């Protein structure tokens, strides 16, 4: 058996998070598996900071600065899918 990063990066998340069996994975075309893995990744990012506001993120970022970058990615994805309004004025940024 050869070792492949596909097992860790694609198959195991599909089995764990989407409850897809090994038999279903083997029967599904690779293009569809990649699509499912991509959609799962997008879903995880879209909901990674649900329930937090900017003040919470600022508090957490004091200890871990990389949180601010991940939160920015979260907001970008939410704007991309129309789940977050794009602020058009400086007044909205002050809050």
Protein backbone atom coordinates (compact mmCIF):
# COMPACT_ATOMS: atom_id res chain seq x y z
CA UNK A 1 0.00 0.00 0.00
CA UNK A 2 1.41 3.38 -0.95
CA UNK A 3 1.05 6.39 1.28
CA UNK A 4 -0.83 9.28 -0.22
CA UNK A 5 -1.71 12.70 1.18
CA UNK A 6 -5.16 12.26 -0.41
CA UNK A 7 -6.08 9.88 2.38
CA UNK A 8 -5.56 12.52 5.04
CA UNK A 9 -6.55 15.66 3.19
CA UNK A 10 -9.62 14.40 1.35
CA UNK A 11 -10.88 10.94 2.20
CA UNK A 12 -10.81 11.07 5.99
CA UNK A 13 -12.64 14.42 6.25
CA UNK A 14 -15.28 13.10 3.84
CA UNK A 15 -15.71 9.97 5.92
CA UNK A 16 -15.72 11.81 9.23
CA UNK A 17 -17.66 15.01 8.50
CA UNK A 18 -19.97 13.88 5.67
CA UNK A 19 -20.36 10.30 6.90
CA UNK A 20 -19.41 8.81 3.52
CA UNK A 21 -18.39 5.16 3.59
CA UNK A 22 -15.21 3.79 2.03
CA UNK A 23 -17.32 1.91 -0.55
CA UNK A 24 -19.09 5.15 -1.55
CA UNK A 25 -15.74 6.94 -1.87
CA UNK A 26 -14.36 4.21 -4.13
CA UNK A 27 -17.53 4.33 -6.30
CA UNK A 28 -17.55 8.13 -6.64
CA UNK A 29 -15.57 9.84 -9.44
CA UNK A 30 -12.54 11.82 -8.25
CA UNK A 31 -13.98 15.10 -9.60
CA UNK A 32 -17.02 14.72 -7.36
CA UNK A 33 -14.85 13.85 -4.36
CA UNK A 34 -12.77 16.98 -4.91
CA UNK A 35 -15.99 19.02 -5.18
CA UNK A 36 -17.30 17.56 -1.93
CA UNK A 37 -14.00 18.23 -0.14
CA UNK A 38 -13.93 21.81 -1.46
CA UNK A 39 -17.54 22.42 -0.39
CA UNK A 40 -16.78 20.99 3.06
CA UNK A 41 -13.79 23.31 3.40
CA UNK A 42 -15.86 26.34 2.35
CA UNK A 43 -18.60 25.38 4.82
CA UNK A 44 -16.09 25.04 7.65
CA UNK A 45 -14.62 28.47 6.92
CA UNK A 46 -18.07 30.07 6.57
CA UNK A 47 -19.07 28.90 10.02
CA UNK A 48 -15.72 28.96 11.82
CA UNK A 49 -16.40 32.19 13.76
CA UNK A 50 -20.18 32.11 14.05
CA UNK A 51 -21.21 33.62 17.38
CA UNK A 52 -18.15 35.86 17.70
CA UNK A 53 -18.12 39.60 17.11
CA UNK A 54 -15.23 41.94 16.36
CA UNK A 55 -14.70 42.68 20.06
CA UNK A 56 -14.33 38.96 20.85
CA UNK A 57 -11.83 38.59 18.00
CA UNK A 58 -9.78 41.53 19.28
CA UNK A 59 -9.60 39.94 22.73
CA UNK A 60 -8.54 36.55 21.33
CA UNK A 61 -6.03 38.15 18.94
CA UNK A 62 -4.09 39.59 21.88
CA UNK A 63 -2.84 36.08 22.66
CA UNK A 64 -2.88 34.66 19.12
CA UNK A 65 -2.40 37.26 16.34
CA UNK A 66 -3.07 34.67 13.60
CA UNK A 67 -6.74 34.67 14.64
CA UNK A 68 -7.17 38.09 13.04
CA UNK A 69 -6.02 36.70 9.66
CA UNK A 70 -8.39 33.72 9.93
CA UNK A 71 -11.26 36.03 10.92
CA UNK A 72 -10.52 38.20 7.90
CA UNK A 73 -10.70 35.12 5.65
CA UNK A 74 -14.00 34.20 7.35
CA UNK A 75 -15.44 37.66 6.62
CA UNK A 76 -14.19 37.59 3.01
CA UNK A 77 -15.93 34.24 2.39
CA UNK A 78 -19.15 35.48 4.00
CA UNK A 79 -19.10 38.59 1.79
CA UNK A 80 -18.42 36.43 -1.27
CA UNK A 81 -21.57 34.41 -0.61
CA UNK A 82 -23.67 37.43 0.42
CA UNK A 83 -23.90 36.44 4.08
CA UNK A 84 -22.14 39.55 5.32
CA UNK A 85 -22.77 43.12 4.24
CA UNK A 86 -19.90 45.05 2.71
CA UNK A 87 -19.30 48.22 4.70
CA UNK A 88 -19.27 51.24 2.44
CA UNK A 89 -18.71 54.02 4.97
CA UNK A 90 -16.11 54.84 7.57
CA UNK A 91 -18.83 55.10 10.23
CA UNK A 92 -19.41 51.35 10.02
CA UNK A 93 -15.67 50.74 10.45
CA UNK A 94 -15.48 52.80 13.64
CA UNK A 95 -17.67 50.38 15.56
